Amino acid sequence: MKTIRIGAGQGFYGDSAAPAVETAKRGGIHYLCMDSLAELTLAILQKDRQRDPAKGFAADLASQLRALLPVARANGIRIITNAGGMNPAGALREAERVAKELGLQGLKLAVVTGDDVREELDAYREQGVPLDHLEDGRDIADIRDRIVFANAYLGAKPIADALRQGADVVITGRAADSALFLAPYIHEFGIGPKDWHRLAQGVLMGHLLECSGQASGGNFSGDWQAVEALEDIGFPIAEIAEDGTFVLTKPEGTGGLVSVDTVKEQLLYEIHDPFAYATPDVVLNVSEVALEDIGPNRVRVTGARGTKRPETLKVVMGYADGWLGQAIWGYSWPDAPAKARAADRIVRKQIERSGLRADEIRTDFLGLDSLHGPLAPPPAEEPNEVYVRLAVRTKSRDEAAKLGRLVPPLMLSGPPAMGAFLGMMKPRELLGMWSCLVPRELIESKVRVTVTEVRP
């Protein structure tokens, strides 16, 4: 039975390119799929685009392609990435520039556009689409005049269309993570849009690959001490057959671990409803998925089931939501937690007296509760040091900047043994996130695939 090999090349914006290069060199793969985007990443890229309209795509795109394109061209590997972010057309130009530098004439580059729907929001509402917040039902009118970006999660079809047109590199904006990996499977085996069970297997495959090293021993909560050579971790590879069954593995000789336990942990990651995990391409049911160790670093995955894809697509928006002012400083033993809490009380009282108008104040004690919050148990022993992170959210930059003036006096006029003050941290503009659902035909009717060839 024919199989194709699809490799994970990136799990987030800023991920290391080294494992992807190793996969391209000795992984025997046909496709390398690189997931750059999270909702937080969109906010980061939007700020880049605000500073320079030519930006807005992943800044590491050039370095990633410079390292990968020669190996991919030599081995017949096709690359798919959503590094286009907020500016897929700009990312295409960057990819073309790198390809010309490398002398890769004839390379076919494709870009998928149409996920940016900011200019369509008012038209959607005129057509009766409420755009209410997906989780709490708030009316979008509350933030409409503050929206700075709005992007839809596209499915695999336009990426598969680009592959059908011969693209060697496909660049998208906000596509669903799993769609990057599903598209080669659809293209290679002609999977139909209503073949729900095979699509479900393909989405599951993409879900297991989308976080790069997280399925091959990285960020593993089980027996993580036994995972060897994480400094040379191999990113996961899926060998997928026409019927959708696949084996998860990694390149020979690389570090990390592919086992039932590492795969199971990634399987459950972000799956809110195991019976109905909605994606643009299919609604995935993982309740009957079976994982089987069939050899060292080889796990067979079967049993995904699918039902009809949603009639809507998720749209994520970012809106201006004030300014962040923050300060971080530490206290040493003895009584470090008591000193930190006393300092917090002092600064909060001074915030009130100074007239600093804060919409929200938050304090974290790094080393005590910054990860677990109110669920953090009291320390079993007196800690050697504790850091205070105090943050305010305000409506203006000037208000946020006021916090920095309140903390330095604690050095001589607060609890003893203050240290490691990080200085006057510049205020940062905050973006709030808004998710809603839009009928898919309104979005997909404006999706476009453009293929260009690199010329001298």
Protein backbone atom coordinates (compact mmCIF):
# COMPACT_ATOMS: atom_id res chain seq x y z
CA MET A 1 0.00 0.00 0.00
CA LYS A 2 1.35 3.45 -0.93
CA THR A 3 2.36 5.69 1.93
CA ILE A 4 3.67 9.23 2.09
CA ARG A 5 5.88 10.69 4.78
CA ILE A 6 5.00 14.07 6.24
CA GLY A 7 7.39 15.75 8.64
CA ALA A 8 6.83 18.36 11.32
CA GLY A 9 9.14 21.30 10.69
CA GLN A 10 8.04 23.90 13.23
CA GLY A 11 5.71 24.09 16.20
CA PHE A 12 5.64 27.82 16.90
CA TYR A 13 7.07 31.15 15.79
CA GLY A 14 10.72 31.07 16.85
CA ASP A 15 11.10 27.29 16.95
CA SER A 16 14.55 25.90 16.09
CA ALA A 17 15.22 25.12 12.43
CA ALA A 18 17.89 22.52 13.23
CA PRO A 19 15.54 19.52 13.75
CA ALA A 20 13.64 20.46 10.57
CA VAL A 21 16.89 20.45 8.60
CA GLU A 22 17.74 17.02 10.01
CA THR A 23 14.31 15.74 9.06
CA ALA A 24 14.73 17.08 5.54
CA LYS A 25 18.19 15.52 5.24
CA ARG A 26 17.53 12.04 6.57
CA GLY A 27 13.84 11.67 7.33
CA GLY A 28 12.84 10.34 3.92
CA ILE A 29 9.94 12.78 3.86
CA HIS A 30 7.88 14.07 0.94
CA TYR A 31 6.40 17.09 2.74
CA LEU A 32 7.62 19.35 5.53
CA CYS A 33 4.87 21.30 7.28
CA MET A 34 5.67 24.27 9.49
CA ASP A 35 3.18 25.70 11.98
CA SER A 36 4.18 29.22 13.04
CA LEU A 37 0.92 30.65 14.32
CA ALA A 38 -0.97 30.86 17.57
CA GLU A 39 -3.53 33.51 18.48
CA LEU A 40 -0.82 35.23 20.52
CA THR A 41 1.43 35.14 17.44
CA LEU A 42 -1.17 37.01 15.42
CA ALA A 43 -1.07 39.79 18.01
CA ILE A 44 2.74 39.93 17.82
CA LEU A 45 2.69 40.06 14.02
CA GLN A 46 -0.01 42.71 14.04
CA LYS A 47 2.24 44.95 16.14
CA ASP A 48 5.03 44.35 13.59
CA ARG A 49 2.65 45.37 10.80
CA GLN A 50 1.62 48.50 12.68
CA ARG A 51 5.27 49.57 12.81
CA ASP A 52 5.92 48.65 9.18
CA PRO A 53 3.11 47.73 6.74
CA ALA A 54 5.59 45.59 4.76
CA LYS A 55 5.98 43.29 7.80
CA GLY A 56 3.41 41.17 9.59
CA PHE A 57 4.74 37.77 8.56
CA ALA A 58 6.97 35.56 10.71
CA ALA A 59 10.34 37.28 10.94
CA ASP A 60 12.17 33.94 11.00
CA LEU A 61 10.75 32.91 7.62
CA ALA A 62 13.88 33.97 5.72
CA SER A 63 16.28 32.10 8.00
CA GLN A 64 14.08 29.00 7.99
CA LEU A 65 13.86 28.94 4.20
CA ARG A 66 17.54 29.72 3.76
CA ALA A 67 18.39 26.63 5.81
CA LEU A 68 15.73 24.36 4.31
CA LEU A 69 15.25 25.21 0.65
CA PRO A 70 18.54 23.76 -0.68
CA VAL A 71 17.95 20.47 1.15
CA ALA A 72 14.28 20.37 0.18
CA ARG A 73 15.06 21.04 -3.49
CA ALA A 74 17.73 18.33 -3.55
CA ASN A 75 15.40 15.76 -1.99
CA GLY A 76 12.14 16.69 -3.73
CA ILE A 77 10.49 17.88 -0.51
CA ARG A 78 7.59 20.32 -0.65
CA ILE A 79 7.23 22.86 2.16
CA ILE A 80 3.98 24.17 3.63
CA THR A 81 3.96 26.99 6.17
CA ASN A 82 1.50 29.43 7.72
CA ALA A 83 4.33 31.89 8.37
CA GLY A 84 2.45 34.37 6.18
CA GLY A 85 0.70 35.46 9.36
CA MET A 86 -0.92 38.85 8.87
CA ASN A 87 0.77 39.46 5.51
CA PRO A 88 0.97 36.34 3.30
CA ALA A 89 1.73 38.43 0.20
CA GLY A 90 4.70 40.00 1.98
CA ALA A 91 5.88 36.54 3.04
CA LEU A 92 5.70 35.39 -0.57
CA ARG A 93 7.94 38.28 -1.62
CA GLU A 94 10.38 37.37 1.14
CA ALA A 95 10.42 33.73 0.06
CA GLU A 96 11.05 34.77 -3.54
CA ARG A 97 13.93 36.98 -2.44
CA VAL A 98 15.56 34.10 -0.52
CA ALA A 99 15.04 31.66 -3.39
CA LYS A 100 16.74 34.07 -5.81
CA GLU A 101 19.65 34.49 -3.40
CA LEU A 102 20.04 30.71 -3.37
CA GLY A 103 19.82 30.46 -7.13
CA LEU A 104 16.71 28.30 -7.07
CA GLN A 105 15.26 29.36 -10.41
CA GLY A 106 12.14 27.48 -11.40
CA LEU A 107 11.00 26.98 -7.81
CA LYS A 108 7.23 27.37 -7.63
CA LEU A 109 5.90 29.44 -4.74
CA ALA A 110 2.22 29.64 -3.81
CA VAL A 111 0.35 31.95 -1.48
CA VAL A 112 -3.13 31.44 -0.04
CA THR A 113 -5.01 34.64 0.77
CA GLY A 114 -8.51 35.42 1.98
CA ASP A 115 -8.22 34.69 5.68
CA ASP A 116 -8.01 38.43 6.45
CA VAL A 117 -11.67 39.43 6.87
CA ARG A 118 -11.35 42.70 8.77
CA GLU A 119 -12.81 44.72 5.90
CA GLU A 120 -15.75 42.33 5.63
CA LEU A 121 -17.03 42.59 9.21
CA ASP A 122 -19.64 45.27 8.58
CA ALA A 123 -20.87 43.40 5.48
CA TYR A 124 -21.24 40.26 7.57
CA ARG A 125 -23.39 42.09 10.08
CA GLU A 126 -25.53 43.55 7.29
CA GLN A 127 -26.13 39.97 6.14
CA GLY A 128 -27.32 39.00 9.61
CA VAL A 129 -24.15 37.47 11.04
CA PRO A 130 -24.08 38.65 14.68
CA LEU A 131 -20.32 38.16 15.34
CA ASP A 132 -21.13 37.71 19.04
CA HIS A 133 -18.28 36.47 21.24
CA LEU A 134 -18.00 32.71 20.90
CA GLU A 135 -17.66 32.03 24.62
CA ASP A 136 -19.63 34.67 26.49
CA GLY A 137 -22.04 36.03 23.87
CA ARG A 138 -20.96 39.68 24.15
CA ASP A 139 -22.07 42.02 21.37
CA ILE A 140 -19.25 42.97 19.04
CA ALA A 141 -20.47 46.56 19.15
CA ASP A 142 -18.60 46.82 22.47
CA ILE A 143 -15.24 46.63 20.65
CA ARG A 144 -16.04 47.25 16.96
CA ASP A 145 -14.20 50.57 16.71
CA ARG A 146 -11.09 49.08 18.37
CA ILE A 147 -10.59 46.03 16.11
CA VAL A 148 -7.15 45.98 14.50
CA PHE A 149 -7.22 42.55 12.83
CA ALA A 150 -9.67 39.77 12.01
CA ASN A 151 -8.61 36.46 10.50
CA ALA A 152 -10.53 33.29 9.67
CA TYR A 153 -9.24 29.76 10.20
CA LEU A 154 -9.12 28.29 6.70
CA GLY A 155 -9.13 24.59 5.93
CA ALA A 156 -6.92 22.34 3.81
CA LYS A 157 -8.57 22.74 0.40
CA PRO A 158 -6.75 25.86 -0.86
CA ILE A 159 -3.41 24.37 0.25
CA ALA A 160 -4.22 21.15 -1.60
CA ASP A 161 -5.16 23.25 -4.63
CA ALA A 162 -1.75 24.94 -4.51
CA LEU A 163 -0.05 21.54 -4.40
CA ARG A 164 -2.14 20.38 -7.35
CA GLN A 165 -0.85 23.42 -9.28
CA GLY A 166 2.71 22.26 -8.67
CA ALA A 167 3.77 24.51 -5.79
CA ASP A 168 7.04 23.57 -4.13
CA VAL A 169 6.41 26.00 -1.25
CA VAL A 170 2.96 26.98 -0.03
CA ILE A 171 2.56 30.01 2.26
CA THR A 172 -0.69 30.74 4.07
CA GLY A 173 -1.97 33.13 6.67
CA ARG A 174 -4.30 31.88 9.39
CA ALA A 175 -5.12 28.31 8.43
CA ALA A 176 -6.08 25.69 10.97
CA ASP A 177 -2.92 24.03 12.30
CA SER A 178 -3.97 20.56 11.21
CA ALA A 179 -4.88 21.79 7.70
CA LEU A 180 -1.20 22.25 6.82
CA PHE A 181 -0.62 18.52 7.31
CA LEU A 182 -3.98 17.33 6.01
CA ALA A 183 -3.53 19.04 2.64
CA PRO A 184 -0.74 16.73 1.34
CA TYR A 185 -2.81 13.69 2.31
CA ILE A 186 -5.83 15.06 0.41
CA HIS A 187 -3.64 15.91 -2.59
CA GLU A 188 -1.74 12.63 -2.79
CA PHE A 189 -4.72 10.31 -2.38
CA GLY A 190 -7.58 12.39 -3.78
CA ILE A 191 -9.51 12.37 -0.51
CA GLY A 192 -13.00 13.75 -1.08
CA PRO A 193 -14.55 16.58 0.96
CA LYS A 194 -17.16 14.22 2.42
CA ASP A 195 -14.89 11.28 3.21
CA TRP A 196 -15.30 12.08 6.89
CA HIS A 197 -13.43 9.14 8.44
CA ARG A 198 -10.32 9.45 6.30
CA LEU A 199 -10.36 13.21 6.76
CA ALA A 200 -10.60 12.58 10.50
CA GLN A 201 -7.49 10.40 10.39
CA GLY A 202 -5.71 13.12 8.42
CA VAL A 203 -6.70 15.82 10.89
CA LEU A 204 -5.58 13.61 13.77
CA MET A 205 -2.25 13.11 12.02
CA GLY A 206 -1.89 16.87 11.68
CA HIS A 207 -2.85 17.41 15.29
CA LEU A 208 -0.11 15.03 16.42
CA LEU A 209 2.52 16.75 14.25
CA GLU A 210 1.59 20.40 14.64
CA CYS A 211 3.56 21.02 17.85
CA SER A 212 6.89 19.71 16.53
CA GLY A 213 8.91 18.15 19.38
CA GLN A 214 5.94 17.92 21.73
CA ALA A 215 5.00 14.54 20.19
CA SER A 216 8.55 13.22 20.21
CA GLY A 217 9.49 13.62 23.86
CA GLY A 218 9.58 17.37 24.35
CA ASN A 219 7.41 18.99 27.04
CA PHE A 220 6.59 15.46 28.21
CA SER A 221 4.94 15.18 31.63
CA GLY A 222 5.48 11.43 32.02
CA ASP A 223 8.89 9.90 32.66
CA TRP A 224 10.60 12.92 31.12
CA GLN A 225 13.93 12.14 32.80
CA ALA A 226 14.20 9.02 30.65
CA VAL A 227 13.87 10.92 27.37
CA GLU A 228 17.37 10.97 25.90
CA ALA A 229 19.27 13.67 24.00
CA LEU A 230 16.66 16.40 23.94
CA GLU A 231 19.44 18.69 22.74
CA ASP A 232 19.28 16.73 19.47
CA ILE A 233 15.53 16.08 19.43
CA GLY A 234 14.07 14.69 16.26
CA PHE A 235 10.75 16.17 15.16
CA PRO A 236 7.96 13.65 14.48
CA ILE A 237 7.18 12.16 11.07
CA ALA A 238 3.93 10.51 9.98
CA GLU A 239 3.88 7.64 7.49
CA ILE A 240 0.28 7.81 6.29
CA ALA A 241 -1.45 5.34 3.98
CA GLU A 242 -4.39 5.90 1.66
CA ASP A 243 -6.87 4.50 4.20
CA GLY A 244 -5.68 7.08 6.76
CA THR A 245 -3.87 4.73 9.12
CA PHE A 246 -0.49 6.10 9.99
CA VAL A 247 2.66 5.46 11.99
CA LEU A 248 4.29 8.22 13.98
CA THR A 249 8.08 8.09 14.11
CA LYS A 250 11.15 10.37 13.92
CA PRO A 251 14.45 10.43 12.00
CA GLU A 252 16.89 7.67 12.88
CA GLY A 253 19.70 8.70 15.21
CA THR A 254 17.98 11.76 16.64
CA GLY A 255 17.13 12.37 20.28
CA GLY A 256 13.73 12.40 21.92
CA LEU A 257 11.14 9.64 22.14
CA VAL A 258 8.08 8.57 20.18
CA SER A 259 6.00 6.26 22.35
CA VAL A 260 2.39 5.60 23.18
CA ASP A 261 2.74 7.92 26.17
CA THR A 262 4.32 10.86 24.32
CA VAL A 263 1.79 10.52 21.50
CA LYS A 264 -1.11 10.19 23.92
CA GLU A 265 -0.12 13.41 25.66
CA GLN A 266 -0.11 15.30 22.36
CA LEU A 267 -3.37 13.61 21.36
CA LEU A 268 -5.16 15.11 24.36
CA TYR A 269 -3.57 18.53 23.93
CA GLU A 270 -6.22 21.22 23.24
CA ILE A 271 -8.95 18.63 22.60
CA HIS A 272 -11.84 20.20 24.52
CA ASP A 273 -14.43 17.63 23.43
CA PRO A 274 -12.97 14.24 22.44
CA PHE A 275 -16.25 13.32 20.73
CA ALA A 276 -16.50 16.50 18.67
CA TYR A 277 -13.28 18.41 17.99
CA ALA A 278 -14.34 20.91 15.34
CA THR A 279 -11.95 21.82 12.53
CA PRO A 280 -12.70 23.52 9.19
CA ASP A 281 -12.38 20.17 7.37
CA VAL A 282 -14.19 17.69 9.62
CA VAL A 283 -15.52 17.25 13.15
CA LEU A 284 -13.11 14.79 14.74
CA ASN A 285 -14.04 12.08 17.25
CA VAL A 286 -10.99 10.65 19.03
CA SER A 287 -12.86 8.57 21.61
CA GLU A 288 -12.00 5.29 19.83
CA VAL A 289 -8.46 6.12 18.75
CA ALA A 290 -5.98 3.28 19.34
CA LEU A 291 -2.24 3.78 19.83
CA GLU A 292 0.09 0.81 19.41
CA ASP A 293 3.85 0.59 19.92
CA ILE A 294 5.11 -1.41 16.91
CA GLY A 295 8.83 -0.84 17.37
CA PRO A 296 11.37 1.61 18.77
CA ASN A 297 10.04 5.12 18.16
CA ARG A 298 7.15 3.80 16.06
CA VAL A 299 3.51 4.19 17.10
CA ARG A 300 0.60 3.11 14.89
CA VAL A 301 -2.49 5.34 15.12
CA THR A 302 -5.96 4.16 14.09
CA GLY A 303 -9.60 4.68 15.00
CA ALA A 304 -10.33 8.36 14.36
CA ARG A 305 -13.90 8.95 13.27
CA GLY A 306 -15.36 11.98 11.56
CA THR A 307 -18.67 13.68 10.96
CA LYS A 308 -19.77 16.49 8.65
CA ARG A 309 -17.60 19.61 8.75
CA PRO A 310 -19.05 22.75 10.40
CA GLU A 311 -21.11 25.20 8.36
CA THR A 312 -19.16 28.04 9.97
CA LEU A 313 -15.52 29.00 10.31
CA LYS A 314 -13.89 30.48 13.37
CA VAL A 315 -12.73 34.07 13.10
CA VAL A 316 -10.26 35.46 15.62
CA MET A 317 -9.94 39.20 16.08
CA GLY A 318 -7.61 41.44 18.02
CA TYR A 319 -8.71 44.74 19.48
CA ALA A 320 -6.96 47.54 21.33
CA ASP A 321 -7.42 46.83 25.02
CA GLY A 322 -5.35 49.38 26.90
CA TRP A 323 -1.74 49.52 28.06
CA LEU A 324 0.41 47.34 30.29
CA GLY A 325 2.67 48.79 32.94
CA GLN A 326 4.74 46.32 34.94
CA ALA A 327 7.63 46.01 37.32
CA ILE A 328 9.59 42.99 38.56
CA TRP A 329 11.85 42.86 41.60
CA GLY A 330 12.99 40.32 44.17
CA TYR A 331 13.57 39.66 47.89
CA SER A 332 15.99 37.26 49.51
CA TRP A 333 15.80 34.94 52.53
CA PRO A 334 14.82 35.23 55.35
CA ASP A 335 11.07 35.91 55.14
CA ALA A 336 11.16 36.37 51.37
CA PRO A 337 7.40 35.65 50.84
CA ALA A 338 6.43 38.03 53.66
CA LYS A 339 8.64 40.76 52.22
CA ALA A 340 7.16 40.26 48.76
CA ARG A 341 3.58 40.47 50.04
CA ALA A 342 4.39 43.56 52.12
CA ALA A 343 5.90 45.26 49.09
CA ASP A 344 2.78 44.45 47.10
CA ARG A 345 0.58 46.07 49.77
CA ILE A 346 2.78 49.17 49.82
CA VAL A 347 2.71 49.67 46.05
CA ARG A 348 -1.04 49.06 45.82
CA LYS A 349 -1.67 51.73 48.45
CA GLN A 350 0.61 54.12 46.59
CA ILE A 351 -1.22 53.37 43.33
CA GLU A 352 -4.44 54.45 45.03
CA ARG A 353 -2.92 57.57 46.54
CA SER A 354 -1.05 58.63 43.41
CA GLY A 355 -4.20 58.71 41.32
CA LEU A 356 -2.93 56.11 38.85
CA ARG A 357 -6.12 55.02 37.09
CA ALA A 358 -5.82 51.27 36.60
CA ASP A 359 -8.58 49.15 35.09
CA GLU A 360 -6.88 46.05 36.49
CA ILE A 361 -4.04 45.30 38.89
CA ARG A 362 -2.36 41.90 39.04
CA THR A 363 0.40 40.56 41.29
CA ASP A 364 2.32 37.31 40.82
CA PHE A 365 4.94 35.98 43.21
CA LEU A 366 7.45 34.25 40.97
CA GLY A 367 8.62 31.08 42.63
CA LEU A 368 5.43 30.73 44.69
CA ASP A 369 2.26 31.05 42.65
CA SER A 370 2.90 32.54 39.22
CA LEU A 371 2.07 29.26 37.45
CA HIS A 372 -0.65 27.82 39.69
CA GLY A 373 -2.19 31.00 41.09
CA PRO A 374 -4.55 30.47 44.03
CA LEU A 375 -4.12 26.69 43.72
CA ALA A 376 -0.44 26.92 44.66
CA PRO A 377 0.22 25.30 48.06
CA PRO A 378 2.33 27.10 50.66
CA PRO A 379 6.03 26.28 50.30
CA ALA A 380 7.24 23.34 52.38
CA GLU A 381 10.44 25.23 53.21
CA GLU A 382 11.39 28.86 53.46
CA PRO A 383 12.36 29.80 49.87
CA ASN A 384 15.73 31.39 49.26
CA GLU A 385 14.22 34.15 47.12
CA VAL A 386 10.92 35.38 45.71
CA TYR A 387 10.24 37.81 42.88
CA VAL A 388 7.29 40.17 42.67
CA ARG A 389 5.66 40.89 39.32
CA LEU A 390 3.14 43.69 39.63
CA ALA A 391 1.22 44.77 36.51
CA VAL A 392 -1.47 47.31 35.74
CA ARG A 393 -3.76 47.68 32.75
CA THR A 394 -4.64 51.26 31.91
CA LYS A 395 -6.31 53.19 29.12
CA SER A 396 -3.23 55.19 28.17
CA ARG A 397 0.52 54.84 27.88
CA ASP A 398 1.10 57.72 30.30
CA GLU A 399 -1.00 56.09 33.01
CA ALA A 400 0.83 52.77 32.61
CA ALA A 401 4.20 54.53 32.88
CA LYS A 402 3.32 55.86 36.34
CA LEU A 403 3.79 52.41 37.92
CA GLY A 404 7.53 52.46 37.28
CA ARG A 405 7.95 55.53 39.49
CA LEU A 406 6.46 53.79 42.52
CA VAL A 407 8.77 50.78 42.75
CA PRO A 408 12.38 52.13 42.97
CA PRO A 409 11.83 53.82 46.36
CA LEU A 410 11.23 50.39 47.89
CA MET A 411 14.98 49.78 47.73
CA LEU A 412 15.54 52.01 50.78
CA SER A 413 12.01 52.64 52.00
CA GLY A 414 10.46 49.18 51.89
CA PRO A 415 11.09 45.67 53.23
CA PRO A 416 14.76 44.68 53.55
CA ALA A 417 16.96 42.93 50.99
CA MET A 418 15.27 44.07 47.80
CA GLY A 419 17.29 43.19 44.71
CA ALA A 420 17.21 42.41 41.00
CA PHE A 421 14.98 45.33 40.11
CA LEU A 422 14.65 45.16 36.33
CA GLY A 423 14.38 48.91 35.84
CA MET A 424 11.68 51.10 34.38
CA MET A 425 9.89 48.70 32.02
CA LYS A 426 8.36 50.49 29.04
CA PRO A 427 4.57 50.37 28.77
CA ARG A 428 3.23 48.00 26.12
CA GLU A 429 -0.02 48.24 24.21
CA LEU A 430 -2.38 45.34 24.92
CA LEU A 431 -4.53 43.50 22.41
CA GLY A 432 -7.68 41.73 23.53
CA MET A 433 -8.84 38.61 21.64
CA TRP A 434 -12.32 38.06 20.24
CA SER A 435 -13.55 34.85 18.59
CA CYS A 436 -16.77 34.32 16.67
CA LEU A 437 -18.28 32.14 13.94
CA VAL A 438 -19.04 33.16 10.35
CA PRO A 439 -20.80 31.11 7.64
CA ARG A 440 -18.00 29.46 5.70
CA GLU A 441 -19.32 30.35 2.25
CA LEU A 442 -18.96 34.08 3.01
CA ILE A 443 -15.25 33.54 3.68
CA GLU A 444 -14.32 30.79 1.25
CA SER A 445 -15.81 32.62 -1.74
CA LYS A 446 -12.96 35.15 -1.43
CA VAL A 447 -10.07 32.75 -0.80
CA ARG A 448 -7.47 32.85 -3.57
CA VAL A 449 -4.45 30.71 -4.49
CA THR A 450 -1.65 32.37 -6.47
CA VAL A 451 1.33 30.42 -7.83
CA THR A 452 4.47 32.13 -9.11
CA GLU A 453 7.78 30.79 -10.42
CA VAL A 454 11.15 32.08 -9.29
CA ARG A 455 13.00 33.63 -12.22
CA PRO A 456 16.52 35.04 -12.45
